[in-house]
Protein backbone atom coordinates (compact mmCIF):
# COMPACT_ATOMS: atom_id res chain seq x y z
CA MET A 1 76.27 -45.95 -22.96
CA LEU A 2 73.88 -44.60 -20.81
CA LEU A 3 70.53 -44.09 -21.79
CA LYS A 4 68.07 -41.75 -19.78
CA ASN A 5 64.38 -42.16 -20.38
CA LYS A 6 62.66 -38.79 -20.86
CA THR A 7 59.03 -38.53 -20.04
CA LYS A 8 56.69 -35.49 -21.18
CA THR A 9 54.61 -33.83 -18.30
CA ARG A 10 51.43 -32.34 -19.37
CA ALA A 11 51.69 -28.92 -17.40
CA LEU A 12 51.81 -25.44 -17.84
CA THR A 13 54.57 -23.52 -16.06
CA MET A 14 54.44 -19.70 -15.18
CA MET A 15 57.60 -18.02 -13.99
CA PHE A 16 57.39 -14.70 -11.94
CA VAL A 17 60.58 -12.50 -12.56
CA PRO A 18 60.66 -9.33 -10.28
CA HIS A 19 62.32 -6.24 -10.99
CA TYR A 20 64.63 -6.20 -7.86
CA ASP A 21 67.02 -9.12 -6.92
CA SER A 22 64.52 -11.17 -5.54
CA PRO A 23 64.63 -14.80 -6.91
CA VAL A 24 62.59 -15.90 -9.86
CA ARG A 25 59.53 -17.76 -8.75
CA VAL A 26 58.13 -20.73 -10.89
CA LEU A 27 54.42 -22.04 -10.79
CA ARG A 28 53.75 -25.31 -12.20
CA LEU A 29 50.04 -26.35 -12.92
CA SER A 30 48.74 -29.22 -14.54
CA TYR A 31 46.33 -29.06 -17.69
CA VAL A 32 43.88 -30.72 -15.28
CA ALA A 33 44.47 -27.73 -12.62
CA VAL A 34 44.07 -25.16 -15.26
CA TYR A 35 40.85 -26.91 -16.70
CA MET A 36 39.31 -26.91 -13.16
CA ILE A 37 40.10 -23.30 -12.47
CA LEU A 38 38.77 -22.36 -15.94
CA VAL A 39 35.41 -24.53 -15.13
CA VAL A 40 34.97 -22.72 -11.69
CA LEU A 41 35.51 -19.24 -12.86
CA VAL A 42 32.79 -19.85 -15.88
CA LEU A 43 30.47 -21.55 -13.17
CA SER A 44 31.34 -18.55 -10.82
CA GLY A 45 30.56 -15.98 -13.63
CA THR A 46 27.11 -17.95 -14.48
CA MET A 47 25.87 -17.83 -11.20
CA VAL A 48 26.86 -14.14 -10.82
CA PHE A 49 24.98 -13.29 -14.21
CA GLN A 50 21.95 -15.21 -12.77
CA LEU A 51 21.77 -13.87 -9.47
CA VAL A 52 22.00 -10.17 -10.94
CA PHE A 53 19.29 -10.94 -13.79
CA ARG A 54 17.15 -12.46 -10.94
CA TYR A 55 17.66 -9.49 -8.55
CA ASN A 56 16.72 -7.13 -11.22
CA LYS A 57 13.68 -9.16 -12.23
CA MET A 58 12.63 -9.27 -8.85
CA GLN A 59 12.69 -5.40 -8.45
CA ALA A 60 10.67 -5.29 -11.49
CA ASN A 61 8.08 -7.70 -10.26
CA ILE A 62 7.82 -5.52 -6.96
CA GLU A 63 7.58 -2.29 -8.77
CA THR A 64 4.75 -3.74 -10.97
CA LEU A 65 3.01 -4.98 -7.58
CA ARG A 66 3.51 -1.54 -5.93
CA GLN A 67 1.89 0.09 -8.99
CA GLY A 68 -1.14 -2.48 -9.27
CA SER A 69 -1.64 -2.29 -5.47
CA ASN A 70 -1.89 1.77 -5.74
CA ARG A 71 -4.37 1.21 -8.40
CA ARG A 72 -6.52 -1.27 -6.56
CA LEU A 73 -6.08 0.97 -3.74
CA VAL A 74 -7.52 3.78 -5.42
CA ASP A 75 -10.32 1.76 -6.70
CA LEU A 76 -11.50 0.19 -3.36
CA GLN A 77 -11.31 3.81 -1.82
CA ARG A 78 -13.78 4.92 -4.35
CA GLU A 79 -15.93 1.94 -3.66
CA MET A 80 -16.12 2.65 0.00
CA ILE A 81 -16.81 6.16 -0.67
CA ALA A 82 -19.64 5.32 -2.79
CA ASP A 83 -20.91 2.92 0.05
CA TYR A 84 -20.59 5.40 2.57
CA ALA A 85 -22.12 7.84 0.42
CA GLY A 86 -25.27 5.60 -0.15
CA ARG A 87 -25.42 4.59 3.79
CA LEU A 88 -25.44 8.45 4.68
CA SER A 89 -28.07 8.85 2.12
CA GLY A 90 -30.64 6.31 3.61
CA LEU A 91 -29.88 8.01 6.80
CA GLU A 92 -30.79 11.25 5.91
CA ASN A 93 -34.00 9.84 4.37
CA LYS A 94 -35.00 8.38 7.68
CA PHE A 95 -34.06 11.38 9.66
CA ALA A 96 -36.17 13.66 6.99
CA VAL A 97 -39.31 11.36 7.71
CA VAL A 98 -38.48 11.93 11.39
CA SER A 99 -38.15 15.64 11.08
CA GLU A 100 -41.51 15.51 9.12
CA TYR A 101 -43.46 14.00 12.08
CA LEU A 102 -41.78 16.28 14.41
CA GLY A 103 -43.12 19.18 11.98
CA TYR A 104 -46.49 17.76 11.97
CA LEU A 105 -46.76 17.26 15.78
CA ASP A 106 -45.49 20.87 16.34
CA GLY A 107 -48.07 22.33 13.93
CA LEU A 108 -50.59 19.99 16.10
CA GLY A 109 -49.55 21.46 19.30
CA LYS A 110 -49.87 24.96 18.03
CA ASP A 111 -53.37 24.25 16.88
CA VAL A 112 -54.19 22.91 20.32
CA LEU A 113 -52.74 26.02 22.04
CA LYS A 114 -54.94 28.11 19.60
CA SER A 115 -58.11 26.17 20.21
CA SER A 116 -57.64 26.22 24.05
CA GLY A 117 -57.04 30.08 23.80
CA TYR A 118 -60.38 30.24 22.36
CA ILE A 119 -62.41 28.38 24.45
CA LEU A 120 -60.58 29.48 27.79
CA ASP A 121 -60.47 33.06 26.85
CA ASN A 122 -61.87 35.15 29.66
CA ASN A 123 -61.31 38.49 28.08
CA GLY A 124 -64.77 38.82 26.74
CA GLY A 125 -63.84 38.35 22.86
CA ASP A 126 -66.24 36.82 20.64
CA ASN A 127 -65.25 32.90 19.96
CA THR A 128 -68.19 31.69 18.19
CA LEU A 129 -66.51 31.56 14.66
CA ALA A 130 -63.56 29.86 15.85
CA LEU A 131 -65.55 27.20 17.81
CA GLU A 132 -67.97 26.97 14.48
CA GLN A 133 -64.67 26.26 12.57
CA MET A 134 -63.60 23.85 14.87
CA ALA A 135 -66.57 21.94 14.90
CA VAL A 136 -67.19 21.81 11.08
CA ALA A 137 -63.15 20.53 10.60
CA ASN A 138 -64.24 17.99 13.01
CA ASN A 139 -67.67 16.91 12.02
CA LEU A 140 -69.53 18.11 14.81
CA LYS A 141 -72.43 19.88 15.41
CA PHE A 142 -72.45 23.51 16.37
CA GLU A 143 -75.17 25.64 17.54
CA HIS A 144 -74.97 29.37 17.23
CA ASN A 145 -75.74 31.28 20.35
CA PRO A 146 -75.50 28.17 22.73
CA LYS A 147 -76.38 28.05 26.17
CA PRO A 148 -73.40 27.72 28.51
CA ALA A 149 -75.00 23.63 29.37
CA SER A 150 -74.84 22.99 25.75
CA PHE A 151 -71.81 24.61 25.05
CA ALA A 152 -69.44 22.88 27.10
CA PRO A 153 -69.92 19.38 25.82
CA GLN A 154 -68.95 20.39 22.28
CA ALA A 155 -65.84 22.16 23.39
CA VAL A 156 -64.79 19.28 25.53
CA GLN A 157 -65.43 16.66 22.73
CA VAL A 158 -63.18 19.03 20.18
CA LEU A 159 -60.53 18.92 22.90
CA GLU A 160 -60.68 15.08 23.52
CA LYS A 161 -60.65 14.52 19.60
CA VAL A 162 -57.76 16.76 19.02
CA SER A 163 -56.01 15.16 22.25
CA ASP A 164 -56.62 11.63 20.64
CA ASP A 165 -55.10 12.61 17.41
CA VAL A 166 -51.96 14.10 19.21
CA GLU A 167 -51.32 10.88 21.48
CA LYS A 168 -51.96 8.63 18.21
CA LYS A 169 -49.11 10.96 16.62
CA ALA A 170 -46.94 10.86 19.73
CA GLN A 171 -47.18 7.20 19.75
CA GLU A 172 -46.30 6.88 15.95
CA HIS A 173 -43.29 9.24 16.36
CA ALA A 174 -42.13 7.22 19.53
CA ARG A 175 -42.19 4.25 17.24
CA SER A 176 -40.44 5.86 14.66
CA LEU A 177 -37.85 7.08 16.85
CA ALA A 178 -37.43 3.58 18.53
CA ILE A 179 -36.83 1.90 14.72
CA MET A 180 -34.05 4.77 14.27
CA GLN A 181 -32.57 4.03 17.32
CA SER A 182 -32.48 0.31 16.61
CA TYR A 183 -31.02 1.19 13.14
CA ALA A 184 -28.47 3.54 14.71
CA ASN A 185 -27.49 0.69 17.02
CA GLU A 186 -27.11 -1.81 14.30
CA TYR A 187 -24.96 0.30 12.27
CA ASN A 188 -22.48 1.30 15.28
CA ASP A 189 -22.27 -2.37 16.27
CA LEU A 190 -21.57 -3.29 12.53
CA ARG A 191 -18.99 -0.57 12.26
CA GLU A 192 -17.59 -1.32 15.39
CA ARG A 193 -16.77 -5.06 14.43
CA THR A 194 -16.11 -4.65 11.17
CA PRO A 195 -12.19 -4.31 10.63
CA THR A 196 -11.10 -0.61 9.48
CA GLY A 197 -7.92 0.95 8.74
CA TRP A 198 -4.48 -0.47 9.39
CA PRO A 199 -3.05 -1.20 12.77
CA CYS A 200 -0.09 1.11 12.38
CA GLU A 201 1.39 3.64 10.17
CA GLY A 202 4.19 2.49 7.92
CA ARG A 203 5.34 1.41 4.80
CA PHE A 204 3.85 -1.75 2.68
CA THR A 205 6.44 -3.78 1.46
CA SER A 206 4.45 -7.10 0.79
CA PHE A 207 0.79 -7.49 -0.59
CA PHE A 208 -2.00 -10.09 -0.50
CA GLY A 209 -1.16 -12.81 -3.22
CA TRP A 210 0.98 -14.73 -5.01
CA ARG A 211 4.54 -13.81 -4.77
CA ASP A 212 6.60 -14.46 -8.17
CA TRP A 213 10.00 -14.62 -6.77
CA THR A 214 9.21 -17.24 -4.27
CA GLY A 215 6.40 -18.92 -5.78
CA THR A 216 4.47 -18.69 -2.34
CA PHE A 217 0.95 -17.22 -1.48
CA HIS A 218 1.44 -14.19 0.71
CA GLU A 219 -1.93 -14.36 2.93
CA GLY A 220 -1.87 -10.62 4.30
CA ILE A 221 -0.18 -7.35 4.10
CA ASP A 222 3.55 -6.41 5.58
CA ILE A 223 3.66 -2.84 7.00
CA VAL A 224 7.34 -1.84 7.85
CA CYS A 225 7.53 0.55 10.87
CA PRO A 226 10.12 0.80 13.68
CA GLU A 227 10.27 -1.86 16.67
CA GLY A 228 8.35 -1.18 19.51
CA THR A 229 5.43 0.75 17.70
CA PRO A 230 2.13 0.23 19.07
CA LEU A 231 -0.12 -1.96 16.78
CA HIS A 232 -3.84 -1.09 17.36
CA ALA A 233 -6.82 -3.36 16.93
CA THR A 234 -8.77 -2.34 13.43
CA ALA A 235 -11.96 -3.42 15.40
CA SER A 236 -13.40 -4.40 18.69
CA GLY A 237 -13.65 -8.05 19.43
CA GLU A 238 -12.65 -10.93 21.74
CA ILE A 239 -8.78 -12.28 22.11
CA ILE A 240 -8.80 -15.72 20.97
CA LYS A 241 -4.90 -15.85 20.36
CA ALA A 242 -2.06 -14.23 22.36
CA GLU A 243 0.91 -16.36 22.10
CA TRP A 244 3.94 -17.71 20.11
CA PHE A 245 2.43 -19.15 16.91
CA SER A 246 4.79 -21.06 14.32
CA GLY A 247 6.43 -18.58 11.83
CA TYR A 248 4.27 -15.71 12.96
CA GLY A 249 6.30 -15.33 16.09
CA LEU A 250 4.55 -13.58 18.91
CA CYS A 251 1.11 -13.43 17.38
CA VAL A 252 -2.66 -11.78 18.27
CA ASP A 253 -5.80 -12.82 17.04
CA ILE A 254 -9.06 -11.21 17.26
CA LEU A 255 -12.31 -12.62 16.74
CA HIS A 256 -14.80 -10.09 15.68
CA ARG A 257 -18.28 -10.84 13.91
CA ASP A 258 -19.46 -13.32 11.68
CA GLY A 259 -16.33 -15.62 11.67
CA ILE A 260 -14.10 -12.56 10.89
CA VAL A 261 -10.99 -12.61 12.66
CA THR A 262 -7.85 -10.23 12.32
CA ARG A 263 -4.03 -11.40 12.95
CA TYR A 264 -1.32 -9.25 14.24
CA GLY A 265 2.31 -11.18 13.42
CA HIS A 266 5.94 -11.03 14.36
CA CYS A 267 5.05 -8.89 17.34
CA SER A 268 7.90 -8.03 20.15
CA LYS A 269 5.45 -7.77 22.93
CA ILE A 270 1.87 -8.73 23.47
CA MET A 271 -0.14 -6.34 25.52
CA VAL A 272 -3.57 -8.06 26.09
CA GLU A 273 -4.73 -11.83 26.91
CA LYS A 274 -6.51 -14.36 25.55
CA GLY A 275 -10.33 -14.09 26.47
CA GLU A 276 -10.12 -10.25 26.46
CA PHE A 277 -12.41 -8.10 24.90
CA VAL A 278 -10.81 -5.25 23.22
CA ARG A 279 -11.99 -1.87 21.83
CA ALA A 280 -11.40 -0.64 18.26
CA GLY A 281 -8.11 1.35 18.27
CA GLN A 282 -6.87 -0.23 21.62
CA VAL A 283 -3.33 -1.30 21.66
CA VAL A 284 -2.97 -4.88 21.46
CA ALA A 285 0.76 -5.67 20.83
CA LEU A 286 4.26 -3.65 20.04
CA ASN A 287 5.76 -4.33 16.41
CA GLY A 288 8.90 -6.81 16.17
CA SER A 289 10.64 -9.06 14.05
CA THR A 290 9.87 -12.35 15.92
CA GLY A 291 9.23 -15.82 14.01
CA ASN A 292 10.26 -15.63 10.10
CA SER A 293 10.98 -12.21 9.92
CA ASP A 294 14.19 -10.31 8.34
CA ILE A 295 13.22 -6.66 9.57
CA PRO A 296 10.77 -5.03 12.25
CA HIS A 297 7.54 -5.30 10.36
CA CYS A 298 3.69 -5.92 11.46
CA HIS A 299 1.98 -9.04 9.33
CA TYR A 300 -1.46 -8.21 9.19
CA GLU A 301 -4.28 -10.56 8.14
CA VAL A 302 -7.96 -10.50 7.81
CA ARG A 303 -9.51 -14.20 8.01
CA ILE A 304 -13.18 -15.08 7.33
CA ASN A 305 -13.89 -18.62 8.54
CA ASP A 306 -10.34 -19.27 8.74
CA LYS A 307 -9.82 -18.49 5.23
CA ALA A 308 -7.38 -15.29 4.56
CA VAL A 309 -8.61 -12.66 2.51
CA ASP A 310 -7.37 -9.43 1.01
CA PRO A 311 -7.33 -6.65 3.81
CA PHE A 312 -7.71 -4.03 1.06
CA LYS A 313 -11.37 -5.22 0.63
CA PHE A 314 -12.30 -3.82 3.67
CA PRO A 315 -12.67 0.13 4.80
CA PHE A 316 -9.71 2.22 5.28
């Protein structure tokens, strides 16, 4: 008697029966392979769910940041408007003082002309009362019906005193104007060397501060605009960097004043050279996507003593 040993195979067999005259197809998978397929499907589904969840959370964080940045932008604009209003009020007060000096000098000039008219009147009019009033006003002795020899010294003395007074006030006026000019020059230099506004027009996509979705600190703001868009200096200063700089790609740094530096990153082309002095509004580079960048945008930074600060703290 012939005995055959039968072994059981732990497998799953699937048969595919077509509706036409094609042969039946048989697919046999071991339980291990089935388990592996199930594990892969479960892991894939879990990963897809996590990716969708993280993406939705990232979009919510971006929207929250945008809303917070808009509120902060409004608050900063109000502070800057109040600051400029205070400065303008101070300038108006100083100009009011100068205008008062001018009015006073104008009055003195009219008095001199009037006095000279009485003294030098050759039309035969009676100048006695006017001269007497001038003498009393200037603490001078006046004689009625003076003789020509005694009349001239009094008139000359009155004119000399008035002339000295006018000259003194003119010197004070000149000093006031010089002080005002120095104030104006200082203010203009301060305004010219203080970063103001943005290097280009575009859409803000990333702001200053921590990024929740990456866990990194962003030291500037990102402004998305077409490649080749001119990037303007936000203040006057000296070019201290105009080269490829690590993840910034083609980068331009401008030193302004008191250790304030503005940085323009990811440029496609640099339009200035190191050591060159540029004015506020001058084109220093063209927008691009060099370095660590996915889309054309300008990475704009403001640094004070090599420490990044929020660009929104400056006027715009």
